[in-house]
Amino acid sequence: MSPMSAGQAVQAGFKNIRVYLDGEPAWRKAGYPTYAGYGFICQGNNVIVDLRSAEKDAVARIPRSVSMPFATFADVMDEIPVKAPVVLYSDKEDEMLAALKMLRENGYKKVSLVEDGYRGWKHLGGRLVKGPVVTEVNWKRKLAPGEVSIAEFEAAMEDPSKAIILDVRTIEEVKVGKLPMSRHIPLDQLCSRMDEFFATIDGMSKDQDIYVHCTTGARAEMAYKELQKNGYKNAKYLVAEVSCELDDCDIEE
């Protein structure tokens, strides 16, 4: 979890807290699975894949899921847009993990599993539907409220006099590299030092356009919500992978 989430967990009484500063990209690179939350499965702009047989899919499946039985998954997985967030489920854990590995090896970066697969979904009381199987993938990228495209973010970087580029990564991450002209405050300091921090910027007002980024977008979204809550109504955030070495940075979806 992020430093801010860790702080909230401590305040809630949890004592065995660990912070994984390298974030989700490093977790994924290490080969560990990630799991989709209930809300994301129900309402996210994602592709949900049922790896079970088509016969089982027709009897009961998670709403909006596409049938791609594991036996033929390697042959059809390229029908999924490579930039789409993908949620996999099955009634066999080994199939989910194998499909996850296949997708990641083929460049899919946003792949997660339904925890405990079909059984876990039923245990949660998740809604099920039945009927003819769906095999066609229909997915289009949608921006969330407050989110900006990479093109809009890069346009803002070209004229920093009109917008603040705000980096909310950790001090350690920024030591490796940062976007030129960006201003830095770690997410876990933003709440306590927000006014003090912005007071150091000439001409700064709460009407200023602010474009927030981190490494993937998760911390940037949390910072965006804090800024909005504190009256910075023109704050926006970027969901993208940002990697920097000195001032040489790559921004990728």
Foldseek 3Di string as FASTA:
>chain_A
DDPQVQVVVVVVPDDPDDHDQVPDVVCVVVLHAAADDPCCLQDNQAAEEEQDDQVVQQVKDAPNYAYDHLVCCLVPVPLGPLAGQYEYAYQDPVSLSVSSVSSVVVRRRRYHYHVNGPVSCVVVVHDIDHHHGHHHDDGDDDADVQEDEPVVVVVCLVDVVQAAEEEQRDPVQCVQADAPRHDYDHLNCCLVCVVVVQVVDPPDDLQGAYEYEYQAWPSSVVSQVSSVVVRSVNYGYYGFGWHGGHNDIDTGD
